[in-house]
Protein backbone atom coordinates (compact mmCIF):
# COMPACT_ATOMS: atom_id res chain seq x y z
CA MET A 1 -17.22 -1.72 -15.15
CA ILE A 2 -14.85 -3.29 -17.66
CA GLY A 3 -11.94 -5.18 -16.07
CA SER A 4 -12.70 -4.09 -12.52
CA LYS A 5 -10.94 -7.17 -11.10
CA LYS A 6 -7.80 -6.41 -13.10
CA PHE A 7 -8.04 -2.76 -12.05
CA LYS A 8 -8.25 -3.75 -8.36
CA ALA A 9 -5.25 -6.06 -8.76
CA MET A 10 -3.23 -3.28 -10.39
CA LEU A 11 -4.33 -0.82 -7.72
CA ALA A 12 -3.28 -3.24 -4.95
CA LEU A 13 0.13 -3.75 -6.56
CA PHE A 14 0.49 0.01 -6.97
CA ILE A 15 -0.31 0.63 -3.28
CA ILE A 16 2.10 -2.11 -2.19
CA ALA A 17 4.84 -0.67 -4.40
CA ILE A 18 4.34 2.81 -2.92
CA ALA A 19 4.34 1.39 0.63
CA VAL A 20 7.61 -0.48 0.00
CA PHE A 21 9.13 2.62 -1.62
CA ILE A 22 8.20 4.81 1.38
CA TYR A 23 9.50 2.14 3.78
CA MET A 24 12.84 1.97 1.95
CA ILE A 25 13.15 5.78 2.01
CA TYR A 26 12.34 5.73 5.75
CA VAL A 27 14.98 3.07 6.42
CA LEU A 28 17.56 5.07 4.47
CA ILE A 29 16.71 8.27 6.34
CA LYS A 30 16.59 6.69 9.82
CA PRO A 31 18.85 3.59 9.76
CA GLU A 32 19.59 3.76 13.48
CA LYS A 33 16.21 2.18 14.26
CA PHE A 34 17.12 -1.01 12.34
């Protein structure tokens, strides 16, 4: 595979970005827990 290490790094960043985005949405929807 060409650039598999770069692909994995991009995939990891993408997953982290999605996780942070979902977390921020969750905090905005249910702020009483924080």
